[in-house]
Amino acid sequence: VLITALRDETNAVVGYAKVVRDLTERKFMEERERQVEERFRILVDSVKDYAIFMLDPYGNVASWNAGAERIKGYREQEIIGRHFSTFYTESDRAAGEPARGLAHALEHGRFENKAWRVRKDGSLFWAHVVIDRVDDNDGNPIGFAKITRDATESLRAEEALEEMRRAFHRAQKMEAIGQLTGGVAHDFNNLLQVISGNLQLLNDDVADNDRARRRIANA
């Protein structure tokens, strides 16, 4: 509703002009959008296995869900407004990894990586990270959506499996070496049997020569 006072040349009010516009449809759309956003917020906040949060265009944390608190250890009031490079190792920060991830997401719309990340208590975890660029209705970037999954257990399982593979290959090699040396020992033993047999026969031929018998015994 818009009401405008109408005045004469003496500035006295002589009436009013009233304009009424029906905003029911827009109000309905706004309410529906609010409900959708509220449902989405509840959905995101109920996720415990994934850290899901928003970053502003500069990489500062703008939202925080329960999964992010569980995985990274920070409460919402502790992390909102801080730069997301807080979760990176010192070596990755020095190498410019946080900026590289944002730049790649800004240019290509998405960045995905696996790397070590740091919890609030300083402990490390193997993270599967996805950064998506968020655009407004006109296609202009307004920030980033970041999803992090703790993949430490799967990494440990992969490492254990790889160690089992290496151990299996080592066992196969040792078995092959054992078979080879066993064969060589068998062949060598056959040769020794021939030599030993001939020495015994020779010993009988030199029964009257003590010196020769001693040499044969030594052989």
C-alpha atoms as a PDB file:
ATOM      1  CA  VAL A   1       0.000   0.000   0.000  1.00  0.00           C
ATOM      2  CA  LEU A   2       1.207   3.516  -0.903  1.00  0.00           C
ATOM      3  CA  ILE A   3      -0.742   6.604   0.302  1.00  0.00           C
ATOM      4  CA  THR A   4       0.282  10.058  -0.881  1.00  0.00           C
ATOM      5  CA  ALA A   5      -1.169  13.304   0.472  1.00  0.00           C
ATOM      6  CA  LEU A   6      -2.564  15.710  -2.171  1.00  0.00           C
ATOM      7  CA  ARG A   7      -2.138  19.429  -1.430  1.00  0.00           C
ATOM      8  CA  ASP A   8      -3.341  22.643  -3.045  1.00  0.00           C
ATOM      9  CA  GLU A   9      -1.318  25.759  -3.782  1.00  0.00           C
ATOM     10  CA  THR A  10      -1.495  26.751  -0.116  1.00  0.00           C
ATOM     11  CA  ASN A  11      -0.080  23.363   0.913  1.00  0.00           C
ATOM     12  CA  ALA A  12      -3.372  22.375   2.515  1.00  0.00           C
ATOM     13  CA  VAL A  13      -4.307  18.683   2.309  1.00  0.00           C
ATOM     14  CA  VAL A  14      -7.213  18.253  -0.061  1.00  0.00           C
ATOM     15  CA  GLY A  15      -7.190  14.464  -0.353  1.00  0.00           C
ATOM     16  CA  TYR A  16      -5.110  11.354  -0.733  1.00  0.00           C
ATOM     17  CA  ALA A  17      -3.964   9.166  -3.575  1.00  0.00           C
ATOM     18  CA  LYS A  18      -3.824   5.491  -2.666  1.00  0.00           C
ATOM     19  CA  VAL A  19      -2.117   2.748  -4.663  1.00  0.00           C
ATOM     20  CA  VAL A  20      -2.574  -0.908  -3.705  1.00  0.00           C
ATOM     21  CA  ARG A  21      -0.571  -3.682  -5.347  1.00  0.00           C
ATOM     22  CA  ASP A  22      -1.325  -7.393  -4.872  1.00  0.00           C
ATOM     23  CA  LEU A  23       1.878  -9.026  -3.563  1.00  0.00           C
ATOM     24  CA  THR A  24       0.273 -12.313  -2.558  1.00  0.00           C
ATOM     25  CA  GLU A  25       2.151 -14.358  -5.146  1.00  0.00           C
ATOM     26  CA  ARG A  26       5.509 -12.806  -4.280  1.00  0.00           C
ATOM     27  CA  LYS A  27       4.848 -13.304  -0.566  1.00  0.00           C
ATOM     28  CA  PHE A  28       3.990 -16.922  -1.236  1.00  0.00           C
ATOM     29  CA  MET A  29       7.201 -17.397  -3.245  1.00  0.00           C
ATOM     30  CA  GLU A  30       9.316 -15.771  -0.522  1.00  0.00           C
ATOM     31  CA  GLU A  31       7.770 -17.981   2.131  1.00  0.00           C
ATOM     32  CA  ARG A  32       8.288 -21.092   0.051  1.00  0.00           C
ATOM     33  CA  GLU A  33      11.914 -20.106  -0.566  1.00  0.00           C
ATOM     34  CA  ARG A  34      12.392 -19.515   3.156  1.00  0.00           C
ATOM     35  CA  GLN A  35      10.957 -22.942   3.946  1.00  0.00           C
ATOM     36  CA  VAL A  36      13.221 -24.591   1.375  1.00  0.00           C
ATOM     37  CA  GLU A  37      16.252 -22.822   2.820  1.00  0.00           C
ATOM     38  CA  GLU A  38      15.234 -23.841   6.344  1.00  0.00           C
ATOM     39  CA  ARG A  39      14.787 -27.478   5.332  1.00  0.00           C
ATOM     40  CA  PHE A  40      18.159 -27.416   3.584  1.00  0.00           C
ATOM     41  CA  ARG A  41      19.807 -25.892   6.649  1.00  0.00           C
ATOM     42  CA  ILE A  42      18.292 -28.606   8.879  1.00  0.00           C
ATOM     43  CA  LEU A  43      19.391 -31.292   6.422  1.00  0.00           C
ATOM     44  CA  VAL A  44      22.979 -30.011   6.251  1.00  0.00           C
ATOM     45  CA  ASP A  45      23.200 -29.550  10.009  1.00  0.00           C
ATOM     46  CA  SER A  46      22.007 -33.109  10.614  1.00  0.00           C
ATOM     47  CA  VAL A  47      24.844 -34.609   8.554  1.00  0.00           C
ATOM     48  CA  LYS A  48      27.518 -35.927  10.927  1.00  0.00           C
ATOM     49  CA  ASP A  49      29.847 -37.831   8.571  1.00  0.00           C
ATOM     50  CA  TYR A  50      30.685 -34.877   6.321  1.00  0.00           C
ATOM     51  CA  ALA A  51      31.942 -31.386   7.083  1.00  0.00           C
ATOM     52  CA  ILE A  52      29.705 -29.102   4.994  1.00  0.00           C
ATOM     53  CA  PHE A  53      30.207 -25.351   5.183  1.00  0.00           C
ATOM     54  CA  MET A  54      30.287 -22.193   3.106  1.00  0.00           C
ATOM     55  CA  LEU A  55      33.222 -19.893   2.366  1.00  0.00           C
ATOM     56  CA  ASP A  56      32.998 -16.258   1.365  1.00  0.00           C
ATOM     57  CA  PRO A  57      34.815 -15.143  -1.829  1.00  0.00           C
ATOM     58  CA  TYR A  58      38.021 -14.661   0.186  1.00  0.00           C
ATOM     59  CA  GLY A  59      38.000 -18.128   1.747  1.00  0.00           C
ATOM     60  CA  ASN A  60      36.659 -17.183   5.180  1.00  0.00           C
ATOM     61  CA  VAL A  61      34.284 -19.648   6.859  1.00  0.00           C
ATOM     62  CA  ALA A  62      30.694 -18.360   6.611  1.00  0.00           C
ATOM     63  CA  SER A  63      28.704 -21.357   7.938  1.00  0.00           C
ATOM     64  CA  TRP A  64      29.378 -24.543   9.915  1.00  0.00           C
ATOM     65  CA  ASN A  65      27.519 -27.816  10.346  1.00  0.00           C
ATOM     66  CA  ALA A  66      27.619 -30.523  13.021  1.00  0.00           C
ATOM     67  CA  GLY A  67      29.726 -32.780  10.815  1.00  0.00           C
ATOM     68  CA  ALA A  68      32.375 -30.067  10.507  1.00  0.00           C
ATOM     69  CA  GLU A  69      32.495 -29.728  14.298  1.00  0.00           C
ATOM     70  CA  ARG A  70      32.810 -33.504  14.731  1.00  0.00           C
ATOM     71  CA  ILE A  71      35.536 -33.931  12.117  1.00  0.00           C
ATOM     72  CA  LYS A  72      37.568 -30.765  12.652  1.00  0.00           C
ATOM     73  CA  GLY A  73      36.883 -30.113  16.337  1.00  0.00           C
ATOM     74  CA  TYR A  74      35.944 -26.428  16.125  1.00  0.00           C
ATOM     75  CA  ARG A  75      32.646 -25.078  17.446  1.00  0.00           C
ATOM     76  CA  GLU A  76      30.742 -22.694  15.194  1.00  0.00           C
ATOM     77  CA  GLN A  77      31.557 -19.600  17.250  1.00  0.00           C
ATOM     78  CA  GLU A  78      35.252 -20.493  17.163  1.00  0.00           C
ATOM     79  CA  ILE A  79      35.637 -20.812  13.409  1.00  0.00           C
ATOM     80  CA  ILE A  80      33.134 -18.497  11.703  1.00  0.00           C
ATOM     81  CA  GLY A  81      35.061 -15.662  10.075  1.00  0.00           C
ATOM     82  CA  ARG A  82      38.422 -17.448  10.123  1.00  0.00           C
ATOM     83  CA  HIS A  83      40.205 -18.416   6.905  1.00  0.00           C
ATOM     84  CA  PHE A  84      39.814 -22.028   5.829  1.00  0.00           C
ATOM     85  CA  SER A  85      43.610 -22.363   5.521  1.00  0.00           C
ATOM     86  CA  THR A  86      43.425 -22.980   9.296  1.00  0.00           C
ATOM     87  CA  PHE A  87      42.726 -26.632   8.425  1.00  0.00           C
ATOM     88  CA  TYR A  88      45.858 -27.019   6.266  1.00  0.00           C
ATOM     89  CA  THR A  89      49.283 -28.209   7.376  1.00  0.00           C
ATOM     90  CA  GLU A  90      52.029 -25.601   7.651  1.00  0.00           C
ATOM     91  CA  SER A  91      53.837 -27.053   4.637  1.00  0.00           C
ATOM     92  CA  ASP A  92      50.673 -26.872   2.497  1.00  0.00           C
ATOM     93  CA  ARG A  93      50.037 -23.289   3.589  1.00  0.00           C
ATOM     94  CA  ALA A  94      53.626 -22.370   2.727  1.00  0.00           C
ATOM     95  CA  ALA A  95      53.184 -24.011  -0.678  1.00  0.00           C
ATOM     96  CA  GLY A  96      50.028 -21.952  -1.362  1.00  0.00           C
ATOM     97  CA  GLU A  97      47.658 -24.926  -1.481  1.00  0.00           C
ATOM     98  CA  PRO A  98      44.592 -23.094  -0.043  1.00  0.00           C
ATOM     99  CA  ALA A  99      44.801 -20.345  -2.665  1.00  0.00           C
ATOM    100  CA  ARG A 100      45.410 -22.886  -5.414  1.00  0.00           C
ATOM    101  CA  GLY A 101      42.262 -24.801  -4.470  1.00  0.00           C
ATOM    102  CA  LEU A 102      40.081 -21.682  -4.505  1.00  0.00           C
ATOM    103  CA  ALA A 103      41.582 -20.467  -7.773  1.00  0.00           C
ATOM    104  CA  HIS A 104      40.924 -23.828  -9.431  1.00  0.00           C
ATOM    105  CA  ALA A 105      37.314 -23.905  -8.161  1.00  0.00           C
ATOM    106  CA  LEU A 106      36.796 -20.297  -9.292  1.00  0.00           C
ATOM    107  CA  GLU A 107      38.066 -21.062 -12.795  1.00  0.00           C
ATOM    108  CA  HIS A 108      36.640 -24.550 -13.328  1.00  0.00           C
ATOM    109  CA  GLY A 109      33.689 -24.549 -10.928  1.00  0.00           C
ATOM    110  CA  ARG A 110      35.014 -27.424  -8.824  1.00  0.00           C
ATOM    111  CA  PHE A 111      38.170 -28.555  -7.032  1.00  0.00           C
ATOM    112  CA  GLU A 112      38.703 -32.055  -5.610  1.00  0.00           C
ATOM    113  CA  ASN A 113      41.689 -33.400  -3.735  1.00  0.00           C
ATOM    114  CA  LYS A 114      42.904 -35.819  -1.053  1.00  0.00           C
ATOM    115  CA  ALA A 115      45.479 -34.603   1.456  1.00  0.00           C
ATOM    116  CA  TRP A 116      46.346 -34.389   5.143  1.00  0.00           C
ATOM    117  CA  ARG A 117      44.373 -31.832   7.153  1.00  0.00           C
ATOM    118  CA  VAL A 118      44.709 -30.577  10.724  1.00  0.00           C
ATOM    119  CA  ARG A 119      42.103 -30.790  13.487  1.00  0.00           C
ATOM    120  CA  LYS A 120      41.744 -28.251  16.281  1.00  0.00           C
ATOM    121  CA  ASP A 121      43.813 -30.442  18.635  1.00  0.00           C
ATOM    122  CA  GLY A 122      46.647 -30.559  16.093  1.00  0.00           C
ATOM    123  CA  SER A 123      46.105 -34.166  15.014  1.00  0.00           C
ATOM    124  CA  LEU A 124      46.136 -35.016  11.316  1.00  0.00           C
ATOM    125  CA  PHE A 125      43.472 -36.810   9.283  1.00  0.00           C
ATOM    126  CA  TRP A 126      43.363 -37.885   5.649  1.00  0.00           C
ATOM    127  CA  ALA A 127      40.715 -35.714   3.990  1.00  0.00           C
ATOM    128  CA  HIS A 128      38.740 -36.075   0.781  1.00  0.00           C
ATOM    129  CA  VAL A 129      37.964 -32.461  -0.095  1.00  0.00           C
ATOM    130  CA  VAL A 130      35.553 -30.956  -2.636  1.00  0.00           C
ATOM    131  CA  ILE A 131      35.218 -27.188  -3.211  1.00  0.00           C
ATOM    132  CA  ASP A 132      32.364 -25.966  -5.454  1.00  0.00           C
ATOM    133  CA  ARG A 133      31.989 -22.416  -6.702  1.00  0.00           C
ATOM    134  CA  VAL A 134      28.662 -20.808  -5.742  1.00  0.00           C
ATOM    135  CA  ASP A 135      27.141 -18.283  -8.184  1.00  0.00           C
ATOM    136  CA  ASP A 136      24.242 -15.861  -7.886  1.00  0.00           C
ATOM    137  CA  ASN A 137      21.300 -15.810 -10.289  1.00  0.00           C
ATOM    138  CA  ASP A 138      23.331 -13.763 -12.776  1.00  0.00           C
ATOM    139  CA  GLY A 139      26.208 -16.266 -12.757  1.00  0.00           C
ATOM    140  CA  ASN A 140      28.556 -14.150 -10.675  1.00  0.00           C
ATOM    141  CA  PRO A 141      30.620 -16.045  -8.061  1.00  0.00           C
ATOM    142  CA  ILE A 142      29.632 -15.153  -4.494  1.00  0.00           C
ATOM    143  CA  GLY A 143      31.548 -17.782  -2.529  1.00  0.00           C
ATOM    144  CA  PHE A 144      32.296 -21.481  -2.230  1.00  0.00           C
ATOM    145  CA  ALA A 145      30.658 -24.600  -0.811  1.00  0.00           C
ATOM    146  CA  LYS A 146      33.157 -26.939   0.830  1.00  0.00           C
ATOM    147  CA  ILE A 147      32.625 -30.605   1.697  1.00  0.00           C
ATOM    148  CA  THR A 148      35.235 -32.608   3.617  1.00  0.00           C
ATOM    149  CA  ARG A 149      35.131 -36.331   4.419  1.00  0.00           C
ATOM    150  CA  ASP A 150      37.442 -38.022   6.913  1.00  0.00           C
ATOM    151  CA  ALA A 151      39.010 -40.792   4.794  1.00  0.00           C
ATOM    152  CA  THR A 152      41.660 -41.821   7.340  1.00  0.00           C
ATOM    153  CA  GLU A 153      40.207 -45.288   7.928  1.00  0.00           C
ATOM    154  CA  SER A 154      39.996 -46.048   4.226  1.00  0.00           C
ATOM    155  CA  LEU A 155      43.594 -44.856   3.806  1.00  0.00           C
ATOM    156  CA  ARG A 156      44.724 -47.157   6.633  1.00  0.00           C
ATOM    157  CA  ALA A 157      42.838 -50.030   5.005  1.00  0.00           C
ATOM    158  CA  GLU A 158      44.495 -49.311   1.650  1.00  0.00           C
ATOM    159  CA  GLU A 159      47.919 -49.148   3.294  1.00  0.00           C
ATOM    160  CA  ALA A 160      47.291 -52.451   5.121  1.00  0.00           C
ATOM    161  CA  LEU A 161      46.151 -54.076   1.883  1.00  0.00           C
ATOM    162  CA  GLU A 162      49.236 -52.797   0.063  1.00  0.00           C
ATOM    163  CA  GLU A 163      51.497 -54.132   2.842  1.00  0.00           C
ATOM    164  CA  MET A 164      49.772 -57.514   2.563  1.00  0.00           C
ATOM    165  CA  ARG A 165      50.412 -57.475  -1.191  1.00  0.00           C
ATOM    166  CA  ARG A 166      54.088 -56.645  -0.649  1.00  0.00           C
ATOM    167  CA  ALA A 167      54.401 -59.376   2.002  1.00  0.00           C
ATOM    168  CA  PHE A 168      52.763 -61.873  -0.353  1.00  0.00           C
ATOM    169  CA  HIS A 169      55.188 -60.941  -3.147  1.00  0.00           C
ATOM    170  CA  ARG A 170      58.131 -61.250  -0.742  1.00  0.00           C
ATOM    171  CA  ALA A 171      56.904 -64.696   0.320  1.00  0.00           C
ATOM    172  CA  GLN A 172      56.594 -65.735  -3.317  1.00  0.00           C
ATOM    173  CA  LYS A 173      60.155 -64.560  -3.993  1.00  0.00           C
ATOM    174  CA  MET A 174      61.491 -66.405  -0.939  1.00  0.00           C
ATOM    175  CA  GLU A 175      59.654 -69.552  -2.007  1.00  0.00           C
ATOM    176  CA  ALA A 176      61.135 -69.283  -5.500  1.00  0.00           C
ATOM    177  CA  ILE A 177      64.631 -68.767  -4.051  1.00  0.00           C
ATOM    178  CA  GLY A 178      64.115 -71.759  -1.742  1.00  0.00           C
ATOM    179  CA  GLN A 179      63.071 -73.943  -4.645  1.00  0.00           C
ATOM    180  CA  LEU A 180      66.084 -72.778  -6.673  1.00  0.00           C
ATOM    181  CA  THR A 181      68.612 -73.369  -3.890  1.00  0.00           C
ATOM    182  CA  GLY A 182      67.002 -76.717  -3.080  1.00  0.00           C
ATOM    183  CA  GLY A 183      67.445 -77.817  -6.675  1.00  0.00           C
ATOM    184  CA  VAL A 184      71.052 -76.623  -6.743  1.00  0.00           C
ATOM    185  CA  ALA A 185      71.790 -78.469  -3.472  1.00  0.00           C
ATOM    186  CA  HIS A 186      70.236 -81.638  -4.871  1.00  0.00           C
ATOM    187  CA  ASP A 187      72.353 -81.486  -8.052  1.00  0.00           C
ATOM    188  CA  PHE A 188      75.499 -80.663  -6.078  1.00  0.00           C
ATOM    189  CA  ASN A 189      74.843 -83.546  -3.718  1.00  0.00           C
ATOM    190  CA  ASN A 190      74.642 -85.918  -6.706  1.00  0.00           C
ATOM    191  CA  LEU A 191      78.069 -84.720  -7.825  1.00  0.00           C
ATOM    192  CA  LEU A 192      79.493 -85.246  -4.335  1.00  0.00           C
ATOM    193  CA  GLN A 193      78.107 -88.789  -4.271  1.00  0.00           C
ATOM    194  CA  VAL A 194      79.984 -89.574  -7.492  1.00  0.00           C
ATOM    195  CA  ILE A 195      83.237 -88.143  -6.087  1.00  0.00           C
ATOM    196  CA  SER A 196      82.789 -89.901  -2.747  1.00  0.00           C
ATOM    197  CA  GLY A 197      82.070 -93.244  -4.416  1.00  0.00           C
ATOM    198  CA  ASN A 198      85.137 -93.030  -6.625  1.00  0.00           C
ATOM    199  CA  LEU A 199      87.329 -92.071  -3.643  1.00  0.00           C
ATOM    200  CA  GLN A 200      86.126 -95.164  -1.785  1.00  0.00           C
ATOM    201  CA  LEU A 201      86.985 -97.353  -4.759  1.00  0.00           C
ATOM    202  CA  LEU A 202      90.349 -95.654  -5.105  1.00  0.00           C
ATOM    203  CA  ASN A 203      91.027 -96.218  -1.421  1.00  0.00           C
ATOM    204  CA  ASP A 204      90.784 -99.971  -2.010  1.00  0.00           C
ATOM    205  CA  ASP A 205      93.228 -99.734  -4.938  1.00  0.00           C
ATOM    206  CA  VAL A 206      95.944 -98.116  -2.768  1.00  0.00           C
ATOM    207  CA  ALA A 207      95.518-100.328   0.260  1.00  0.00           C
ATOM    208  CA  ASP A 208      99.316-100.789   0.544  1.00  0.00           C
ATOM    209  CA  ASN A 209     100.112 -97.038   0.234  1.00  0.00           C
ATOM    210  CA  ASP A 210      99.500 -95.323   3.592  1.00  0.00           C
ATOM    211  CA  ARG A 211     100.354 -91.865   2.252  1.00  0.00           C
ATOM    212  CA  ALA A 212      97.860 -92.200  -0.592  1.00  0.00           C
ATOM    213  CA  ARG A 213      95.170 -93.543   1.758  1.00  0.00           C
ATOM    214  CA  ARG A 214      95.625 -90.529   4.084  1.00  0.00           C
ATOM    215  CA  ARG A 215      95.161 -88.139   1.158  1.00  0.00           C
ATOM    216  CA  ILE A 216      92.077 -90.014   0.029  1.00  0.00           C
ATOM    217  CA  ALA A 217      90.691 -89.841   3.595  1.00  0.00           C
ATOM    218  CA  ASN A 218      91.286 -86.087   3.668  1.00  0.00           C
ATOM    219  CA  ALA A 219      89.514 -85.748   0.311  1.00  0.00           C
END
